[in-house]
Amino acid sequence: MEKEDKKGVDIEKELTYKKRNFFEASDEKKIGKAYEYGEDYKKFLDASKTEREAVATSVKYAEKNGFKPYVFGEKLKAGDKKYYNNRDKSLVLFVVGSENISEG
């Protein structure tokens, strides 16, 4: 009887899937990075209670990371990091690629 129980447990392990959460599946380094990201995100949320504040905060982050404002008609070259602020209500960030858009 004991042998049959063991066989049933083995079959169960083979045929079932146990969901693992992020903390079970990740190492300490990844977990630390997730907490760090969460802290930065909380700071962003604290500074960005409205869409206008969110755009202003995002512009600061973008400029810190090398993005420059885009002016309509401006000539762009591969690798340019630009942003377009739409009346302080929405923000578009983009990096100009080197391939044709049809190439992905």
PDB file of N, CA and C in Angstrom:
ATOM      1  N   MET A   1       0.822  -1.192   0.000  1.00  0.00           N
ATOM      2  CA  MET A   1       0.000   0.000   0.000  1.00  0.00           C
ATOM      3  C   MET A   1       0.867   1.257   0.000  1.00  0.00           C
ATOM      4  N   GLU A   2       1.946   1.214   0.791  1.00  0.00           N
ATOM      5  CA  GLU A   2       2.833   2.373   0.876  1.00  0.00           C
ATOM      6  C   GLU A   2       3.487   2.653  -0.470  1.00  0.00           C
ATOM      7  N   LYS A   3       3.825   1.599  -1.184  1.00  0.00           N
ATOM      8  CA  LYS A   3       4.450   1.739  -2.495  1.00  0.00           C
ATOM      9  C   LYS A   3       3.487   2.414  -3.482  1.00  0.00           C
ATOM     10  N   GLU A   4       2.201   2.061  -3.412  1.00  0.00           N
ATOM     11  CA  GLU A   4       1.199   2.668  -4.282  1.00  0.00           C
ATOM     12  C   GLU A   4       1.039   4.150  -3.968  1.00  0.00           C
ATOM     13  N   ASP A   5       1.064   4.517  -2.680  1.00  0.00           N
ATOM     14  CA  ASP A   5       0.957   5.921  -2.283  1.00  0.00           C
ATOM     15  C   ASP A   5       2.115   6.728  -2.850  1.00  0.00           C
ATOM     16  N   LYS A   6       3.316   6.169  -2.768  1.00  0.00           N
ATOM     17  CA  LYS A   6       4.496   6.857  -3.296  1.00  0.00           C
ATOM     18  C   LYS A   6       4.366   7.034  -4.802  1.00  0.00           C
ATOM     19  N   LYS A   7       3.861   6.016  -5.470  1.00  0.00           N
ATOM     20  CA  LYS A   7       3.682   6.085  -6.912  1.00  0.00           C
ATOM     21  C   LYS A   7       2.664   7.174  -7.266  1.00  0.00           C
ATOM     22  N   GLY A   8       1.592   7.270  -6.480  1.00  0.00           N
ATOM     23  CA  GLY A   8       0.579   8.306  -6.705  1.00  0.00           C
ATOM     24  C   GLY A   8       1.152   9.701  -6.532  1.00  0.00           C
ATOM     25  N   VAL A   9       2.006   9.880  -5.533  1.00  0.00           N
ATOM     26  CA  VAL A   9       2.651  11.173  -5.297  1.00  0.00           C
ATOM     27  C   VAL A   9       3.573  11.521  -6.459  1.00  0.00           C
ATOM     28  N   ASP A  10       4.315  10.534  -6.942  1.00  0.00           N
ATOM     29  CA  ASP A  10       5.206  10.766  -8.086  1.00  0.00           C
ATOM     30  C   ASP A  10       4.417  11.178  -9.318  1.00  0.00           C
ATOM     31  N   ILE A  11       3.305  10.496  -9.563  1.00  0.00           N
ATOM     32  CA  ILE A  11       2.469  10.831 -10.718  1.00  0.00           C
ATOM     33  C   ILE A  11       1.889  12.235 -10.561  1.00  0.00           C
ATOM     34  N   GLU A  12       1.470  12.568  -9.348  1.00  0.00           N
ATOM     35  CA  GLU A  12       0.919  13.904  -9.100  1.00  0.00           C
ATOM     36  C   GLU A  12       1.959  14.983  -9.402  1.00  0.00           C
ATOM     37  N   LYS A  13       3.182  14.784  -8.933  1.00  0.00           N
ATOM     38  CA  LYS A  13       4.251  15.756  -9.190  1.00  0.00           C
ATOM     39  C   LYS A  13       4.510  15.913 -10.678  1.00  0.00           C
ATOM     40  N   GLU A  14       4.422  14.805 -11.402  1.00  0.00           N
ATOM     41  CA  GLU A  14       4.701  14.822 -12.836  1.00  0.00           C
ATOM     42  C   GLU A  14       3.578  15.484 -13.635  1.00  0.00           C
ATOM     43  N   LEU A  15       2.349  15.326 -13.185  1.00  0.00           N
ATOM     44  CA  LEU A  15       1.203  15.786 -13.972  1.00  0.00           C
ATOM     45  C   LEU A  15       0.638  17.138 -13.542  1.00  0.00           C
ATOM     46  N   THR A  16       1.046  17.642 -12.412  1.00  0.00           N
ATOM     47  CA  THR A  16       0.483  18.915 -11.945  1.00  0.00           C
ATOM     48  C   THR A  16       1.513  20.027 -12.055  1.00  0.00           C
ATOM     49  N   TYR A  17       0.998  21.234 -12.037  1.00  0.00           N
ATOM     50  CA  TYR A  17       1.839  22.425 -12.111  1.00  0.00           C
ATOM     51  C   TYR A  17       1.626  23.238 -10.847  1.00  0.00           C
ATOM     52  N   LYS A  18       2.691  23.600 -10.192  1.00  0.00           N
ATOM     53  CA  LYS A  18       2.598  24.434  -8.999  1.00  0.00           C
ATOM     54  C   LYS A  18       3.075  25.830  -9.361  1.00  0.00           C
ATOM     55  N   LYS A  19       2.169  26.792  -9.220  1.00  0.00           N
ATOM     56  CA  LYS A  19       2.547  28.172  -9.497  1.00  0.00           C
ATOM     57  C   LYS A  19       3.514  28.661  -8.425  1.00  0.00           C
ATOM     58  N   ARG A  20       4.554  29.319  -8.878  1.00  0.00           N
ATOM     59  CA  ARG A  20       5.504  29.920  -7.940  1.00  0.00           C
ATOM     60  C   ARG A  20       5.412  31.424  -8.097  1.00  0.00           C
ATOM     61  N   ASN A  21       5.421  32.134  -6.981  1.00  0.00           N
ATOM     62  CA  ASN A  21       5.389  33.585  -7.078  1.00  0.00           C
ATOM     63  C   ASN A  21       6.803  34.126  -7.309  1.00  0.00           C
ATOM     64  N   PHE A  22       6.898  35.418  -7.517  1.00  0.00           N
ATOM     65  CA  PHE A  22       8.167  36.064  -7.831  1.00  0.00           C
ATOM     66  C   PHE A  22       9.237  35.761  -6.779  1.00  0.00           C
ATOM     67  N   PHE A  23       8.850  35.786  -5.512  1.00  0.00           N
ATOM     68  CA  PHE A  23       9.823  35.607  -4.435  1.00  0.00           C
ATOM     69  C   PHE A  23      10.342  34.174  -4.360  1.00  0.00           C
ATOM     70  N   GLU A  24       9.541  33.213  -4.747  1.00  0.00           N
ATOM     71  CA  GLU A  24       9.987  31.821  -4.776  1.00  0.00           C
ATOM     72  C   GLU A  24      10.876  31.548  -5.985  1.00  0.00           C
ATOM     73  N   ALA A  25      10.614  32.243  -7.088  1.00  0.00           N
ATOM     74  CA  ALA A  25      11.302  31.959  -8.343  1.00  0.00           C
ATOM     75  C   ALA A  25      12.574  32.785  -8.544  1.00  0.00           C
ATOM     76  N   SER A  26      12.786  33.825  -7.742  1.00  0.00           N
ATOM     77  CA  SER A  26      13.901  34.743  -7.978  1.00  0.00           C
ATOM     78  C   SER A  26      14.974  34.631  -6.906  1.00  0.00           C
ATOM     79  N   ASP A  27      16.170  35.098  -7.269  1.00  0.00           N
ATOM     80  CA  ASP A  27      17.259  35.128  -6.296  1.00  0.00           C
ATOM     81  C   ASP A  27      17.249  36.473  -5.557  1.00  0.00           C
ATOM     82  N   GLU A  28      18.119  36.596  -4.572  1.00  0.00           N
ATOM     83  CA  GLU A  28      18.162  37.798  -3.733  1.00  0.00           C
ATOM     84  C   GLU A  28      18.463  39.062  -4.540  1.00  0.00           C
ATOM     85  N   LYS A  29      19.303  38.943  -5.555  1.00  0.00           N
ATOM     86  CA  LYS A  29      19.671  40.106  -6.363  1.00  0.00           C
ATOM     87  C   LYS A  29      18.446  40.664  -7.098  1.00  0.00           C
ATOM     88  N   LYS A  30      17.670  39.783  -7.718  1.00  0.00           N
ATOM     89  CA  LYS A  30      16.466  40.219  -8.434  1.00  0.00           C
ATOM     90  C   LYS A  30      15.433  40.800  -7.476  1.00  0.00           C
ATOM     91  N   ILE A  31      15.305  40.197  -6.321  1.00  0.00           N
ATOM     92  CA  ILE A  31      14.353  40.699  -5.328  1.00  0.00           C
ATOM     93  C   ILE A  31      14.771  42.087  -4.863  1.00  0.00           C
ATOM     94  N   GLY A  32      16.063  42.288  -4.647  1.00  0.00           N
ATOM     95  CA  GLY A  32      16.567  43.606  -4.263  1.00  0.00           C
ATOM     96  C   GLY A  32      16.288  44.648  -5.325  1.00  0.00           C
ATOM     97  N   LYS A  33      16.489  44.284  -6.593  1.00  0.00           N
ATOM     98  CA  LYS A  33      16.201  45.208  -7.689  1.00  0.00           C
ATOM     99  C   LYS A  33      14.714  45.548  -7.745  1.00  0.00           C
ATOM    100  N   ALA A  34      13.869  44.572  -7.478  1.00  0.00           N
ATOM    101  CA  ALA A  34      12.423  44.813  -7.489  1.00  0.00           C
ATOM    102  C   ALA A  34      12.037  45.804  -6.393  1.00  0.00           C
ATOM    103  N   TYR A  35      12.615  45.647  -5.204  1.00  0.00           N
ATOM    104  CA  TYR A  35      12.332  46.588  -4.120  1.00  0.00           C
ATOM    105  C   TYR A  35      12.845  47.985  -4.465  1.00  0.00           C
ATOM    106  N   GLU A  36      14.015  48.058  -5.072  1.00  0.00           N
ATOM    107  CA  GLU A  36      14.579  49.348  -5.478  1.00  0.00           C
ATOM    108  C   GLU A  36      13.659  50.032  -6.495  1.00  0.00           C
ATOM    109  N   TYR A  37      13.206  49.265  -7.474  1.00  0.00           N
ATOM    110  CA  TYR A  37      12.277  49.791  -8.473  1.00  0.00           C
ATOM    111  C   TYR A  37      10.994  50.285  -7.797  1.00  0.00           C
ATOM    112  N   GLY A  38      10.502  49.516  -6.841  1.00  0.00           N
ATOM    113  CA  GLY A  38       9.285  49.896  -6.128  1.00  0.00           C
ATOM    114  C   GLY A  38       9.444  51.206  -5.377  1.00  0.00           C
ATOM    115  N   GLU A  39      10.603  51.406  -4.761  1.00  0.00           N
ATOM    116  CA  GLU A  39      10.847  52.661  -4.045  1.00  0.00           C
ATOM    117  C   GLU A  39      10.863  53.845  -5.010  1.00  0.00           C
ATOM    118  N   ASP A  40      11.531  53.684  -6.153  1.00  0.00           N
ATOM    119  CA  ASP A  40      11.544  54.752  -7.162  1.00  0.00           C
ATOM    120  C   ASP A  40      10.138  55.029  -7.673  1.00  0.00           C
ATOM    121  N   TYR A  41       9.363  53.983  -7.868  1.00  0.00           N
ATOM    122  CA  TYR A  41       8.000  54.144  -8.367  1.00  0.00           C
ATOM    123  C   TYR A  41       7.133  54.879  -7.342  1.00  0.00           C
ATOM    124  N   LYS A  42       7.317  54.578  -6.060  1.00  0.00           N
ATOM    125  CA  LYS A  42       6.563  55.285  -5.016  1.00  0.00           C
ATOM    126  C   LYS A  42       6.912  56.771  -5.008  1.00  0.00           C
ATOM    127  N   LYS A  43       8.184  57.090  -5.209  1.00  0.00           N
ATOM    128  CA  LYS A  43       8.589  58.500  -5.287  1.00  0.00           C
ATOM    129  C   LYS A  43       7.917  59.184  -6.470  1.00  0.00           C
ATOM    130  N   PHE A  44       7.874  58.490  -7.613  1.00  0.00           N
ATOM    131  CA  PHE A  44       7.212  59.040  -8.798  1.00  0.00           C
ATOM    132  C   PHE A  44       5.733  59.289  -8.509  1.00  0.00           C
ATOM    133  N   LEU A  45       5.068  58.333  -7.889  1.00  0.00           N
ATOM    134  CA  LEU A  45       3.645  58.493  -7.587  1.00  0.00           C
ATOM    135  C   LEU A  45       3.401  59.631  -6.602  1.00  0.00           C
ATOM    136  N   ASP A  46       4.280  59.790  -5.617  1.00  0.00           N
ATOM    137  CA  ASP A  46       4.145  60.888  -4.661  1.00  0.00           C
ATOM    138  C   ASP A  46       4.271  62.244  -5.352  1.00  0.00           C
ATOM    139  N   ALA A  47       5.154  62.328  -6.346  1.00  0.00           N
ATOM    140  CA  ALA A  47       5.392  63.590  -7.047  1.00  0.00           C
ATOM    141  C   ALA A  47       4.395  63.831  -8.171  1.00  0.00           C
ATOM    142  N   SER A  48       3.575  62.847  -8.495  1.00  0.00           N
ATOM    143  CA  SER A  48       2.742  62.914  -9.701  1.00  0.00           C
ATOM    144  C   SER A  48       1.285  62.592  -9.393  1.00  0.00           C
ATOM    145  N   LYS A  49       0.632  63.481  -8.686  1.00  0.00           N
ATOM    146  CA  LYS A  49      -0.767  63.240  -8.325  1.00  0.00           C
ATOM    147  C   LYS A  49      -1.725  63.514  -9.486  1.00  0.00           C
ATOM    148  N   THR A  50      -1.330  64.339 -10.443  1.00  0.00           N
ATOM    149  CA  THR A  50      -2.171  64.640 -11.608  1.00  0.00           C
ATOM    150  C   THR A  50      -1.380  64.341 -12.872  1.00  0.00           C
ATOM    151  N   GLU A  51      -2.082  64.342 -14.022  1.00  0.00           N
ATOM    152  CA  GLU A  51      -1.359  64.058 -15.271  1.00  0.00           C
ATOM    153  C   GLU A  51      -0.316  65.130 -15.563  1.00  0.00           C
ATOM    154  N   ARG A  52      -0.606  66.380 -15.216  1.00  0.00           N
ATOM    155  CA  ARG A  52       0.373  67.449 -15.465  1.00  0.00           C
ATOM    156  C   ARG A  52       1.627  67.252 -14.613  1.00  0.00           C
ATOM    157  N   GLU A  53       1.443  66.875 -13.362  1.00  0.00           N
ATOM    158  CA  GLU A  53       2.600  66.599 -12.502  1.00  0.00           C
ATOM    159  C   GLU A  53       3.358  65.371 -12.993  1.00  0.00           C
ATOM    160  N   ALA A  54       2.631  64.377 -13.488  1.00  0.00           N
ATOM    161  CA  ALA A  54       3.280  63.170 -14.019  1.00  0.00           C
ATOM    162  C   ALA A  54       4.135  63.511 -15.229  1.00  0.00           C
ATOM    163  N   VAL A  55       3.624  64.381 -16.098  1.00  0.00           N
ATOM    164  CA  VAL A  55       4.397  64.789 -17.277  1.00  0.00           C
ATOM    165  C   VAL A  55       5.636  65.560 -16.841  1.00  0.00           C
ATOM    166  N   ALA A  56       5.479  66.496 -15.908  1.00  0.00           N
ATOM    167  CA  ALA A  56       6.627  67.289 -15.447  1.00  0.00           C
ATOM    168  C   ALA A  56       7.696  66.393 -14.818  1.00  0.00           C
ATOM    169  N   THR A  57       7.280  65.445 -13.997  1.00  0.00           N
ATOM    170  CA  THR A  57       8.225  64.515 -13.373  1.00  0.00           C
ATOM    171  C   THR A  57       8.907  63.647 -14.425  1.00  0.00           C
ATOM    172  N   SER A  58       8.135  63.180 -15.397  1.00  0.00           N
ATOM    173  CA  SER A  58       8.688  62.330 -16.459  1.00  0.00           C
ATOM    174  C   SER A  58       9.687  63.091 -17.317  1.00  0.00           C
ATOM    175  N   VAL A  59       9.422  64.366 -17.577  1.00  0.00           N
ATOM    176  CA  VAL A  59      10.362  65.185 -18.351  1.00  0.00           C
ATOM    177  C   VAL A  59      11.690  65.286 -17.603  1.00  0.00           C
ATOM    178  N   LYS A  60      11.634  65.479 -16.290  1.00  0.00           N
ATOM    179  CA  LYS A  60      12.875  65.544 -15.494  1.00  0.00           C
ATOM    180  C   LYS A  60      13.671  64.241 -15.615  1.00  0.00           C
ATOM    181  N   TYR A  61      12.975  63.096 -15.463  1.00  0.00           N
ATOM    182  CA  TYR A  61      13.642  61.797 -15.596  1.00  0.00           C
ATOM    183  C   TYR A  61      14.217  61.622 -17.001  1.00  0.00           C
ATOM    184  N   ALA A  62      13.440  62.008 -18.015  1.00  0.00           N
ATOM    185  CA  ALA A  62      13.884  61.848 -19.402  1.00  0.00           C
ATOM    186  C   ALA A  62      15.136  62.677 -19.665  1.00  0.00           C
ATOM    187  N   GLU A  63      15.133  63.928 -19.216  1.00  0.00           N
ATOM    188  CA  GLU A  63      16.299  64.792 -19.439  1.00  0.00           C
ATOM    189  C   GLU A  63      17.524  64.266 -18.700  1.00  0.00           C
ATOM    190  N   LYS A  64      17.321  63.686 -17.520  1.00  0.00           N
ATOM    191  CA  LYS A  64      18.437  63.072 -16.787  1.00  0.00           C
ATOM    192  C   LYS A  64      19.045  61.919 -17.569  1.00  0.00           C
ATOM    193  N   ASN A  65      18.218  61.272 -18.392  1.00  0.00           N
ATOM    194  CA  ASN A  65      18.657  60.111 -19.166  1.00  0.00           C
ATOM    195  C   ASN A  65      18.987  60.454 -20.608  1.00  0.00           C
ATOM    196  N   GLY A  66      19.241  61.726 -20.887  1.00  0.00           N
ATOM    197  CA  GLY A  66      19.749  62.117 -22.196  1.00  0.00           C
ATOM    198  C   GLY A  66      18.716  62.470 -23.246  1.00  0.00           C
ATOM    199  N   PHE A  67      17.451  62.558 -22.901  1.00  0.00           N
ATOM    200  CA  PHE A  67      16.423  62.932 -23.866  1.00  0.00           C
ATOM    201  C   PHE A  67      16.369  64.447 -24.002  1.00  0.00           C
ATOM    202  N   LYS A  68      16.123  64.899 -25.229  1.00  0.00           N
ATOM    203  CA  LYS A  68      16.023  66.328 -25.546  1.00  0.00           C
ATOM    204  C   LYS A  68      14.637  66.595 -26.125  1.00  0.00           C
ATOM    205  N   PRO A  69      14.132  67.826 -25.979  1.00  0.00           N
ATOM    206  CA  PRO A  69      12.810  68.131 -26.548  1.00  0.00           C
ATOM    207  C   PRO A  69      12.822  68.066 -28.074  1.00  0.00           C
ATOM    208  N   TYR A  70      11.740  67.545 -28.629  1.00  0.00           N
ATOM    209  CA  TYR A  70      11.592  67.471 -30.086  1.00  0.00           C
ATOM    210  C   TYR A  70      10.844  68.702 -30.567  1.00  0.00           C
ATOM    211  N   VAL A  71      11.349  69.305 -31.655  1.00  0.00           N
ATOM    212  CA  VAL A  71      10.697  70.443 -32.294  1.00  0.00           C
ATOM    213  C   VAL A  71      10.230  69.968 -33.662  1.00  0.00           C
ATOM    214  N   PHE A  72       8.951  70.224 -33.986  1.00  0.00           N
ATOM    215  CA  PHE A  72       8.416  69.770 -35.270  1.00  0.00           C
ATOM    216  C   PHE A  72       9.270  70.270 -36.428  1.00  0.00           C
ATOM    217  N   GLY A  73       9.547  69.387 -37.360  1.00  0.00           N
ATOM    218  CA  GLY A  73      10.356  69.718 -38.528  1.00  0.00           C
ATOM    219  C   GLY A  73      11.841  69.505 -38.319  1.00  0.00           C
ATOM    220  N   GLU A  74      12.245  69.226 -37.112  1.00  0.00           N
ATOM    221  CA  GLU A  74      13.659  69.023 -36.785  1.00  0.00           C
ATOM    222  C   GLU A  74      14.189  67.782 -37.502  1.00  0.00           C
ATOM    223  N   LYS A  75      15.389  67.887 -38.054  1.00  0.00           N
ATOM    224  CA  LYS A  75      16.035  66.734 -38.696  1.00  0.00           C
ATOM    225  C   LYS A  75      16.517  65.780 -37.603  1.00  0.00           C
ATOM    226  N   LEU A  76      16.197  64.516 -37.775  1.00  0.00           N
ATOM    227  CA  LEU A  76      16.581  63.503 -36.796  1.00  0.00           C
ATOM    228  C   LEU A  76      17.597  62.550 -37.399  1.00  0.00           C
ATOM    229  N   LYS A  77      18.459  62.034 -36.546  1.00  0.00           N
ATOM    230  CA  LYS A  77      19.422  61.031 -37.007  1.00  0.00           C
ATOM    231  C   LYS A  77      19.355  59.829 -36.074  1.00  0.00           C
ATOM    232  N   ALA A  78      19.874  58.725 -36.531  1.00  0.00           N
ATOM    233  CA  ALA A  78      19.833  57.484 -35.755  1.00  0.00           C
ATOM    234  C   ALA A  78      20.461  57.698 -34.383  1.00  0.00           C
ATOM    235  N   GLY A  79      19.783  57.201 -33.374  1.00  0.00           N
ATOM    236  CA  GLY A  79      20.292  57.299 -32.011  1.00  0.00           C
ATOM    237  C   GLY A  79      19.800  58.504 -31.238  1.00  0.00           C
ATOM    238  N   ASP A  80      19.140  59.465 -31.898  1.00  0.00           N
ATOM    239  CA  ASP A  80      18.610  60.634 -31.189  1.00  0.00           C
ATOM    240  C   ASP A  80      17.583  60.196 -30.154  1.00  0.00           C
ATOM    241  N   LYS A  81      17.685  60.768 -28.958  1.00  0.00           N
ATOM    242  CA  LYS A  81      16.712  60.512 -27.894  1.00  0.00           C
ATOM    243  C   LYS A  81      15.898  61.789 -27.731  1.00  0.00           C
ATOM    244  N   LYS A  82      14.626  61.717 -28.049  1.00  0.00           N
ATOM    245  CA  LYS A  82      13.779  62.908 -28.046  1.00  0.00           C
ATOM    246  C   LYS A  82      12.507  62.660 -27.247  1.00  0.00           C
ATOM    247  N   TYR A  83      11.882  63.763 -26.819  1.00  0.00           N
ATOM    248  CA  TYR A  83      10.555  63.678 -26.223  1.00  0.00           C
ATOM    249  C   TYR A  83       9.704  64.818 -26.742  1.00  0.00           C
ATOM    250  N   TYR A  84       8.400  64.575 -26.773  1.00  0.00           N
ATOM    251  CA  TYR A  84       7.451  65.611 -27.164  1.00  0.00           C
ATOM    252  C   TYR A  84       6.437  65.758 -26.038  1.00  0.00           C
ATOM    253  N   ASN A  85       6.358  66.963 -25.492  1.00  0.00           N
ATOM    254  CA  ASN A  85       5.437  67.286 -24.416  1.00  0.00           C
ATOM    255  C   ASN A  85       4.189  67.901 -25.045  1.00  0.00           C
ATOM    256  N   ASN A  86       3.074  67.205 -24.957  1.00  0.00           N
ATOM    257  CA  ASN A  86       1.820  67.661 -25.559  1.00  0.00           C
ATOM    258  C   ASN A  86       1.001  68.461 -24.548  1.00  0.00           C
ATOM    259  N   ARG A  87       1.232  69.760 -24.503  1.00  0.00           N
ATOM    260  CA  ARG A  87       0.492  70.700 -23.650  1.00  0.00           C
ATOM    261  C   ARG A  87       0.502  70.300 -22.174  1.00  0.00           C
ATOM    262  N   ASP A  88       1.579  69.719 -21.723  1.00  0.00           N
ATOM    263  CA  ASP A  88       1.738  69.287 -20.327  1.00  0.00           C
ATOM    264  C   ASP A  88       0.698  68.265 -19.882  1.00  0.00           C
ATOM    265  N   LYS A  89       0.052  67.596 -20.844  1.00  0.00           N
ATOM    266  CA  LYS A  89      -0.959  66.589 -20.504  1.00  0.00           C
ATOM    267  C   LYS A  89      -0.539  65.177 -20.885  1.00  0.00           C
ATOM    268  N   SER A  90       0.337  65.062 -21.864  1.00  0.00           N
ATOM    269  CA  SER A  90       0.849  63.746 -22.253  1.00  0.00           C
ATOM    270  C   SER A  90       2.270  63.910 -22.767  1.00  0.00           C
ATOM    271  N   LEU A  91       2.990  62.818 -22.779  1.00  0.00           N
ATOM    272  CA  LEU A  91       4.399  62.855 -23.140  1.00  0.00           C
ATOM    273  C   LEU A  91       4.717  61.668 -24.034  1.00  0.00           C
ATOM    274  N   VAL A  92       5.478  61.935 -25.091  1.00  0.00           N
ATOM    275  CA  VAL A  92       5.932  60.878 -25.988  1.00  0.00           C
ATOM    276  C   VAL A  92       7.452  60.867 -25.943  1.00  0.00           C
ATOM    277  N   LEU A  93       8.038  59.717 -25.618  1.00  0.00           N
ATOM    278  CA  LEU A  93       9.493  59.550 -25.622  1.00  0.00           C
ATOM    279  C   LEU A  93       9.846  58.602 -26.748  1.00  0.00           C
ATOM    280  N   PHE A  94      10.910  58.918 -27.481  1.00  0.00           N
ATOM    281  CA  PHE A  94      11.314  58.008 -28.553  1.00  0.00           C
ATOM    282  C   PHE A  94      12.809  58.095 -28.809  1.00  0.00           C
ATOM    283  N   VAL A  95      13.339  56.976 -29.287  1.00  0.00           N
ATOM    284  CA  VAL A  95      14.734  56.885 -29.709  1.00  0.00           C
ATOM    285  C   VAL A  95      14.702  56.546 -31.186  1.00  0.00           C
ATOM    286  N   VAL A  96      15.376  57.347 -31.993  1.00  0.00           N
ATOM    287  CA  VAL A  96      15.378  57.145 -33.439  1.00  0.00           C
ATOM    288  C   VAL A  96      16.258  55.945 -33.764  1.00  0.00           C
ATOM    289  N   GLY A  97      15.689  55.011 -34.506  1.00  0.00           N
ATOM    290  CA  GLY A  97      16.417  53.807 -34.883  1.00  0.00           C
ATOM    291  C   GLY A  97      17.177  53.990 -36.182  1.00  0.00           C
ATOM    292  N   SER A  98      17.967  52.993 -36.539  1.00  0.00           N
ATOM    293  CA  SER A  98      18.768  53.068 -37.762  1.00  0.00           C
ATOM    294  C   SER A  98      18.156  52.261 -38.900  1.00  0.00           C
ATOM    295  N   GLU A  99      17.229  51.355 -38.588  1.00  0.00           N
ATOM    296  CA  GLU A  99      16.598  50.517 -39.606  1.00  0.00           C
ATOM    297  C   GLU A  99      15.307  51.163 -40.091  1.00  0.00           C
ATOM    298  N   ASN A 100      14.870  50.766 -41.274  1.00  0.00           N
ATOM    299  CA  ASN A 100      13.598  51.201 -41.805  1.00  0.00           C
ATOM    300  C   ASN A 100      12.491  50.669 -40.902  1.00  0.00           C
ATOM    301  N   ILE A 101      11.416  51.419 -40.749  1.00  0.00           N
ATOM    302  CA  ILE A 101      10.337  51.001 -39.848  1.00  0.00           C
ATOM    303  C   ILE A 101       9.726  49.669 -40.270  1.00  0.00           C
ATOM    304  N   SER A 102       9.746  49.368 -41.558  1.00  0.00           N
ATOM    305  CA  SER A 102       9.203  48.091 -42.027  1.00  0.00           C
ATOM    306  C   SER A 102      10.079  46.911 -41.601  1.00  0.00           C
ATOM    307  N   GLU A 103      11.313  47.185 -41.211  1.00  0.00           N
ATOM    308  CA  GLU A 103      12.230  46.144 -40.741  1.00  0.00           C
ATOM    309  C   GLU A 103      12.050  45.850 -39.249  1.00  0.00           C
ATOM    310  N   GLY A 104      11.238  46.640 -38.581  1.00  0.00           N
ATOM    311  CA  GLY A 104      10.966  46.416 -37.159  1.00  0.00           C
ATOM    312  C   GLY A 104      11.874  47.225 -36.322  1.00  0.00           C
TER     313      GLY A 104
END
